Amino acid sequence: MTIKEYKKEISDAIKNNLDKRFPNSSIEHAKILVKEIINNSDKEVFSLSSNFNQDFYLSLEKEIRNFLNKPNSKFNLIVANDENGIISKLKKEYPNQFVVRFIEKNEMPIDKNSQEHVNYIVNDKNAYRYEYSDKNIDIGIVEAIANFNNPEESKILLDNFNKLLSK
């Protein structure tokens, strides 16, 4: 499937509120999916990240800023690394909207199949991207799934996020 076809399928799923899983095997797919999750959020985004990769999120800075400029929007981040440039910048410019909690790497949840730390992003409209393996990220390969209309799986991720937040 070409990138153009992949984008069209995602757009159709969003437009038609389809409960459809999208495989994600590349950084390019990840950027497309995260961009759409952010763009299609009403008021809140929740992200759990083992490193909130600066290069990756700088490429999505426009979308993050557009979201944060919406009235009453909030980007909630739990991250297992030190503060980097994009985190510092967004915290400074959006102190009440870009909310960060730092945790230790050993507090990150582990995927039971891959035995790797999970990373995910969920919005307030039942969309999510769940990354369960990034062992080959250095060569641009990740293993993840996404869905733009699955209340059950989104709730599981949000419950996990809130559990981590309350520790």
C-alpha atoms as a PDB file:
ATOM      1  CA  MET A   1       0.000   0.000   0.000  1.00  0.00           C
ATOM      2  CA  THR A   2       1.337   3.413  -0.927  1.00  0.00           C
ATOM      3  CA  ILE A   3       1.513   6.274   1.578  1.00  0.00           C
ATOM      4  CA  LYS A   4      -1.244   8.029  -0.378  1.00  0.00           C
ATOM      5  CA  GLU A   5      -3.513   4.965  -0.065  1.00  0.00           C
ATOM      6  CA  TYR A   6      -2.660   4.623   3.637  1.00  0.00           C
ATOM      7  CA  LYS A   7      -3.603   8.269   4.265  1.00  0.00           C
ATOM      8  CA  LYS A   8      -6.857   7.832   2.327  1.00  0.00           C
ATOM      9  CA  GLU A   9      -7.857   4.756   4.348  1.00  0.00           C
ATOM     10  CA  ILE A  10      -7.183   6.655   7.579  1.00  0.00           C
ATOM     11  CA  SER A  11      -9.158   9.654   6.361  1.00  0.00           C
ATOM     12  CA  ASP A  12     -12.089   7.389   5.409  1.00  0.00           C
ATOM     13  CA  ALA A  13     -12.006   5.679   8.822  1.00  0.00           C
ATOM     14  CA  ILE A  14     -12.077   9.034  10.615  1.00  0.00           C
ATOM     15  CA  LYS A  15     -14.799  10.491   8.402  1.00  0.00           C
ATOM     16  CA  ASN A  16     -17.020   7.402   8.698  1.00  0.00           C
ATOM     17  CA  ASN A  17     -16.290   6.601  12.380  1.00  0.00           C
ATOM     18  CA  LEU A  18     -15.022   3.142  11.471  1.00  0.00           C
ATOM     19  CA  ASP A  19     -13.696   0.763  14.107  1.00  0.00           C
ATOM     20  CA  LYS A  20     -10.745  -0.349  11.980  1.00  0.00           C
ATOM     21  CA  ARG A  21      -7.215  -1.251  12.988  1.00  0.00           C
ATOM     22  CA  PHE A  22      -4.287   0.160  11.069  1.00  0.00           C
ATOM     23  CA  PRO A  23      -0.930  -1.576  11.136  1.00  0.00           C
ATOM     24  CA  ASN A  24       2.030   0.714  11.637  1.00  0.00           C
ATOM     25  CA  SER A  25       5.448  -0.513  10.607  1.00  0.00           C
ATOM     26  CA  SER A  26       7.397   2.640   9.835  1.00  0.00           C
ATOM     27  CA  ILE A  27       8.244   6.042  11.243  1.00  0.00           C
ATOM     28  CA  GLU A  28       6.351   7.591   8.310  1.00  0.00           C
ATOM     29  CA  HIS A  29       3.198   5.665   9.271  1.00  0.00           C
ATOM     30  CA  ALA A  30       3.689   6.731  12.903  1.00  0.00           C
ATOM     31  CA  LYS A  31       3.866  10.414  11.919  1.00  0.00           C
ATOM     32  CA  ILE A  32       0.692  10.139   9.832  1.00  0.00           C
ATOM     33  CA  LEU A  33      -1.214   8.390  12.626  1.00  0.00           C
ATOM     34  CA  VAL A  34      -0.065  10.661  15.463  1.00  0.00           C
ATOM     35  CA  LYS A  35      -0.766  13.738  13.353  1.00  0.00           C
ATOM     36  CA  GLU A  36      -4.344  12.560  12.720  1.00  0.00           C
ATOM     37  CA  ILE A  37      -4.905  11.637  16.368  1.00  0.00           C
ATOM     38  CA  ILE A  38      -3.823  15.132  17.427  1.00  0.00           C
ATOM     39  CA  ASN A  39      -5.735  16.879  14.628  1.00  0.00           C
ATOM     40  CA  ASN A  40      -8.920  14.965  15.448  1.00  0.00           C
ATOM     41  CA  SER A  41      -8.898  15.613  19.189  1.00  0.00           C
ATOM     42  CA  ASP A  42     -11.532  17.849  20.700  1.00  0.00           C
ATOM     43  CA  LYS A  43     -10.013  18.873  24.018  1.00  0.00           C
ATOM     44  CA  GLU A  44      -7.508  16.290  25.293  1.00  0.00           C
ATOM     45  CA  VAL A  45      -4.600  14.179  24.158  1.00  0.00           C
ATOM     46  CA  PHE A  46      -2.860  11.641  26.401  1.00  0.00           C
ATOM     47  CA  SER A  47       0.600  10.373  25.512  1.00  0.00           C
ATOM     48  CA  LEU A  48       2.822   7.826  27.245  1.00  0.00           C
ATOM     49  CA  SER A  49       6.328   7.846  25.858  1.00  0.00           C
ATOM     50  CA  SER A  50       9.585   6.225  26.784  1.00  0.00           C
ATOM     51  CA  ASN A  51      11.454   9.199  25.312  1.00  0.00           C
ATOM     52  CA  PHE A  52       9.191  11.720  23.482  1.00  0.00           C
ATOM     53  CA  ASN A  53      11.707  11.732  20.643  1.00  0.00           C
ATOM     54  CA  GLN A  54      12.626  15.298  19.817  1.00  0.00           C
ATOM     55  CA  ASP A  55      13.098  14.789  16.058  1.00  0.00           C
ATOM     56  CA  PHE A  56       9.792  12.923  15.719  1.00  0.00           C
ATOM     57  CA  TYR A  57       7.749  15.468  17.701  1.00  0.00           C
ATOM     58  CA  LEU A  58       9.459  18.498  16.150  1.00  0.00           C
ATOM     59  CA  SER A  59       8.076  17.230  12.835  1.00  0.00           C
ATOM     60  CA  LEU A  60       4.596  17.397  14.446  1.00  0.00           C
ATOM     61  CA  GLU A  61       5.100  20.698  16.278  1.00  0.00           C
ATOM     62  CA  LYS A  62       2.671  22.575  14.026  1.00  0.00           C
ATOM     63  CA  GLU A  63      -0.118  20.076  14.789  1.00  0.00           C
ATOM     64  CA  ILE A  64       0.637  20.127  18.514  1.00  0.00           C
ATOM     65  CA  ARG A  65       0.572  23.935  18.578  1.00  0.00           C
ATOM     66  CA  ASN A  66      -2.650  24.099  16.552  1.00  0.00           C
ATOM     67  CA  PHE A  67      -4.228  21.708  19.039  1.00  0.00           C
ATOM     68  CA  LEU A  68      -2.936  23.640  22.074  1.00  0.00           C
ATOM     69  CA  ASN A  69      -4.279  26.873  20.602  1.00  0.00           C
ATOM     70  CA  LYS A  70      -7.838  25.496  20.739  1.00  0.00           C
ATOM     71  CA  PRO A  71      -9.857  26.786  23.707  1.00  0.00           C
ATOM     72  CA  ASN A  72      -9.679  24.488  26.761  1.00  0.00           C
ATOM     73  CA  SER A  73      -7.278  22.033  25.130  1.00  0.00           C
ATOM     74  CA  LYS A  74      -4.805  19.970  27.108  1.00  0.00           C
ATOM     75  CA  PHE A  75      -1.926  17.716  26.077  1.00  0.00           C
ATOM     76  CA  ASN A  76      -1.099  15.270  28.879  1.00  0.00           C
ATOM     77  CA  LEU A  77       2.308  13.605  28.658  1.00  0.00           C
ATOM     78  CA  ILE A  78       3.925  10.951  30.800  1.00  0.00           C
ATOM     79  CA  VAL A  79       7.522  10.453  29.748  1.00  0.00           C
ATOM     80  CA  ALA A  80      10.413   8.322  30.965  1.00  0.00           C
ATOM     81  CA  ASN A  81      13.334  10.536  30.144  1.00  0.00           C
ATOM     82  CA  ASP A  82      14.778  13.903  30.938  1.00  0.00           C
ATOM     83  CA  GLU A  83      13.289  17.057  29.575  1.00  0.00           C
ATOM     84  CA  ASN A  84      14.307  17.780  25.992  1.00  0.00           C
ATOM     85  CA  GLY A  85      14.029  20.929  23.883  1.00  0.00           C
ATOM     86  CA  ILE A  86      10.507  20.445  22.559  1.00  0.00           C
ATOM     87  CA  ILE A  87       9.159  19.483  25.988  1.00  0.00           C
ATOM     88  CA  SER A  88      10.775  22.564  27.558  1.00  0.00           C
ATOM     89  CA  LYS A  89       9.492  24.857  24.832  1.00  0.00           C
ATOM     90  CA  LEU A  90       5.908  23.589  24.964  1.00  0.00           C
ATOM     91  CA  LYS A  91       5.809  23.613  28.783  1.00  0.00           C
ATOM     92  CA  LYS A  92       7.041  27.217  28.798  1.00  0.00           C
ATOM     93  CA  GLU A  93       4.658  28.444  26.082  1.00  0.00           C
ATOM     94  CA  TYR A  94       1.614  26.442  27.243  1.00  0.00           C
ATOM     95  CA  PRO A  95       2.133  25.995  31.017  1.00  0.00           C
ATOM     96  CA  ASN A  96      -1.477  25.078  31.784  1.00  0.00           C
ATOM     97  CA  GLN A  97      -2.122  23.085  28.638  1.00  0.00           C
ATOM     98  CA  PHE A  98       1.023  21.036  28.063  1.00  0.00           C
ATOM     99  CA  VAL A  99       1.228  19.005  31.253  1.00  0.00           C
ATOM    100  CA  VAL A 100       4.181  16.667  31.785  1.00  0.00           C
ATOM    101  CA  ARG A 101       4.907  14.013  34.376  1.00  0.00           C
ATOM    102  CA  PHE A 102       8.330  12.388  34.369  1.00  0.00           C
ATOM    103  CA  ILE A 103       8.630   8.777  35.503  1.00  0.00           C
ATOM    104  CA  GLU A 104      11.458   6.287  35.772  1.00  0.00           C
ATOM    105  CA  LYS A 105      11.979   3.880  32.873  1.00  0.00           C
ATOM    106  CA  ASN A 106      11.193   0.921  35.143  1.00  0.00           C
ATOM    107  CA  GLU A 107       7.707   2.404  35.756  1.00  0.00           C
ATOM    108  CA  MET A 108       6.841   2.122  32.070  1.00  0.00           C
ATOM    109  CA  PRO A 109       4.363  -0.642  31.238  1.00  0.00           C
ATOM    110  CA  ILE A 110       5.659  -3.674  29.353  1.00  0.00           C
ATOM    111  CA  ASP A 111       3.824  -5.305  26.453  1.00  0.00           C
ATOM    112  CA  LYS A 112       3.186  -8.923  27.422  1.00  0.00           C
ATOM    113  CA  ASN A 113       4.019 -10.262  23.946  1.00  0.00           C
ATOM    114  CA  SER A 114       7.062  -8.230  22.916  1.00  0.00           C
ATOM    115  CA  GLN A 115       8.334  -7.713  26.487  1.00  0.00           C
ATOM    116  CA  GLU A 116       9.244  -4.140  25.486  1.00  0.00           C
ATOM    117  CA  HIS A 117       8.113  -0.824  26.927  1.00  0.00           C
ATOM    118  CA  VAL A 118       4.925   0.410  25.319  1.00  0.00           C
ATOM    119  CA  ASN A 119       4.306   3.889  23.970  1.00  0.00           C
ATOM    120  CA  TYR A 120       0.882   5.195  23.084  1.00  0.00           C
ATOM    121  CA  ILE A 121      -1.177   8.237  22.319  1.00  0.00           C
ATOM    122  CA  VAL A 122      -4.943   8.463  22.836  1.00  0.00           C
ATOM    123  CA  ASN A 123      -7.368  11.276  22.155  1.00  0.00           C
ATOM    124  CA  ASP A 124     -10.761  12.127  23.619  1.00  0.00           C
ATOM    125  CA  LYS A 125     -12.585  10.742  20.594  1.00  0.00           C
ATOM    126  CA  ASN A 126     -11.625   7.052  20.933  1.00  0.00           C
ATOM    127  CA  ALA A 127      -8.592   7.185  18.659  1.00  0.00           C
ATOM    128  CA  TYR A 128      -5.253   5.703  19.652  1.00  0.00           C
ATOM    129  CA  ARG A 129      -1.882   4.471  18.449  1.00  0.00           C
ATOM    130  CA  TYR A 130      -0.267   1.702  20.514  1.00  0.00           C
ATOM    131  CA  GLU A 131       3.399   0.926  19.858  1.00  0.00           C
ATOM    132  CA  TYR A 132       4.514  -2.396  21.240  1.00  0.00           C
ATOM    133  CA  SER A 133       7.981  -2.729  19.742  1.00  0.00           C
ATOM    134  CA  ASP A 134      10.627  -0.222  18.702  1.00  0.00           C
ATOM    135  CA  LYS A 135      13.688  -2.474  18.869  1.00  0.00           C
ATOM    136  CA  ASN A 136      14.408  -1.689  15.187  1.00  0.00           C
ATOM    137  CA  ILE A 137      13.658   2.019  15.352  1.00  0.00           C
ATOM    138  CA  ASP A 138      17.250   2.839  14.361  1.00  0.00           C
ATOM    139  CA  ILE A 139      16.445   1.527  10.883  1.00  0.00           C
ATOM    140  CA  GLY A 140      13.012   3.180  10.787  1.00  0.00           C
ATOM    141  CA  ILE A 141      10.916   0.146  11.749  1.00  0.00           C
ATOM    142  CA  VAL A 142       8.357   0.129  14.562  1.00  0.00           C
ATOM    143  CA  GLU A 143       5.536  -2.228  15.393  1.00  0.00           C
ATOM    144  CA  ALA A 144       2.238  -0.598  16.341  1.00  0.00           C
ATOM    145  CA  ILE A 145      -1.478  -0.551  15.742  1.00  0.00           C
ATOM    146  CA  ALA A 146      -3.905   2.339  15.561  1.00  0.00           C
ATOM    147  CA  ASN A 147      -7.641   2.794  15.492  1.00  0.00           C
ATOM    148  CA  PHE A 148      -9.758   5.925  15.165  1.00  0.00           C
ATOM    149  CA  ASN A 149     -12.997   4.673  16.720  1.00  0.00           C
ATOM    150  CA  ASN A 150     -12.583   2.044  19.408  1.00  0.00           C
ATOM    151  CA  PRO A 151     -14.015   3.113  22.770  1.00  0.00           C
ATOM    152  CA  GLU A 152     -13.100  -0.121  24.581  1.00  0.00           C
ATOM    153  CA  GLU A 153      -9.408  -0.163  23.697  1.00  0.00           C
ATOM    154  CA  SER A 154      -9.122   3.607  24.142  1.00  0.00           C
ATOM    155  CA  LYS A 155     -10.599   3.288  27.634  1.00  0.00           C
ATOM    156  CA  ILE A 156      -8.074   0.588  28.577  1.00  0.00           C
ATOM    157  CA  LEU A 157      -5.222   2.889  27.525  1.00  0.00           C
ATOM    158  CA  LEU A 158      -6.739   5.902  29.319  1.00  0.00           C
ATOM    159  CA  ASP A 159      -7.244   3.874  32.505  1.00  0.00           C
ATOM    160  CA  ASN A 160      -3.610   2.777  32.333  1.00  0.00           C
ATOM    161  CA  PHE A 161      -2.524   6.380  31.751  1.00  0.00           C
ATOM    162  CA  ASN A 162      -4.525   7.631  34.746  1.00  0.00           C
ATOM    163  CA  LYS A 163      -3.145   4.854  36.922  1.00  0.00           C
ATOM    164  CA  LEU A 164       0.417   5.905  36.044  1.00  0.00           C
ATOM    165  CA  LEU A 165      -0.480   9.558  36.590  1.00  0.00           C
ATOM    166  CA  SER A 166      -1.798   8.893  40.072  1.00  0.00           C
ATOM    167  CA  LYS A 167       1.353   7.109  41.303  1.00  0.00           C
END
